[in-house]
Amino acid sequence: MQRFFLALHATTPAALVVAVFVHLWGPSGLPSLAQRPVWATWVLIGVWLLMSVVSAWALRTLALWRVALGGAGLMLVVAGVVGLALGSAHAVGMCASLAAVGLACAGIAAFIGPQRVQAHRRKAARHATVATSGPAAHPVAPRSRWHPRGWSRFVVPAHLPFWLTGVLAVESFRLAHIVATEPTRSSGMLGLLLAFFIALPAATLRHWAPRTTVLLWVLAALAYGGLAAKAGLLQWVVASALCALAAGAPLLLRARRALRWRQTGSNAPHAPAPAADPHPPEAA
């Protein structure tokens, strides 16, 4: 699920380019993009989703990060240059700021490494030796690790925050663009922004910044609770409860690990004391 969201980000520049080309240089007899029927927009969205699925399947996580950051930097630079060419308001300052952010994204994409995108994937070398009475030491056999297969790869606990973000985004999109009646439409647009700019960073930063992740989930729970109070929709009540649960899950997991560590530490067997030598040394 994480790779799919990265692929959505990585294929956004290509989807925008396709939409611009279809809008400006469409086939003859086809009206502009704003005047076309609804199915044309859904076709563009479907093509974007299909490209994202193919990219998530074909590219590695590091490649997706580099393509996403490089594409974002390129689009920012293009937006600044186009604004400067069209003579927009504050074009010079906006072009400079967008170019600076774009170059920063390009620099991160160029120097990012596998250790930055694969948190908690590196196995520590746990071939420590057990202290024994003799000179020989026996290595500890590594634990066998369970690897999910088939559909179980998508429902492991590590993917649950991304599934929650996807559910929030899909429901917000449905309320905003399919139901499309007030006050549902405005609350759906706000829910979509919350899903992509608060819930998605909270799911992504879970290994790198756990405290920031908890704060983001708390902020998302409060924001969806405000939407529930304003729009009176049951969906936002459920969304607020799920975000609160996602915020409390790391704390509960940490407390459970600490309790288990204390129990295993107190129940650990102590090393037996050395027995007394039955033959005392002879007196000199």
Foldseek 3Di string as FASTA:
>chain_A
DLQLVLLLLLCVLVLVVVLVCCQPPNDPPAHHPVPDDPVVVVVSVVVSSVSSVVCSVPDDPLVSLLSNLQSQLVVLLVVLVVCVVVVHPVSVVSNVVSNVSSVVSNVCSVPPDPCVQDFPPDDDPQQDWDDDPDPDTDTDDDDDDDDDDDPVVCVDPLNVLVVLLVVQLVVLCCQQPVVPDPPSNVLSVVSNCLSVPQSVVLSRCCRPDVVSSLVSLQVSLVVLVVSCVVRVDPVSVVSSVVSNCVSCVVVVVVVVVVVVVVVCVVPPDDDDDDDDDPDDDDDD
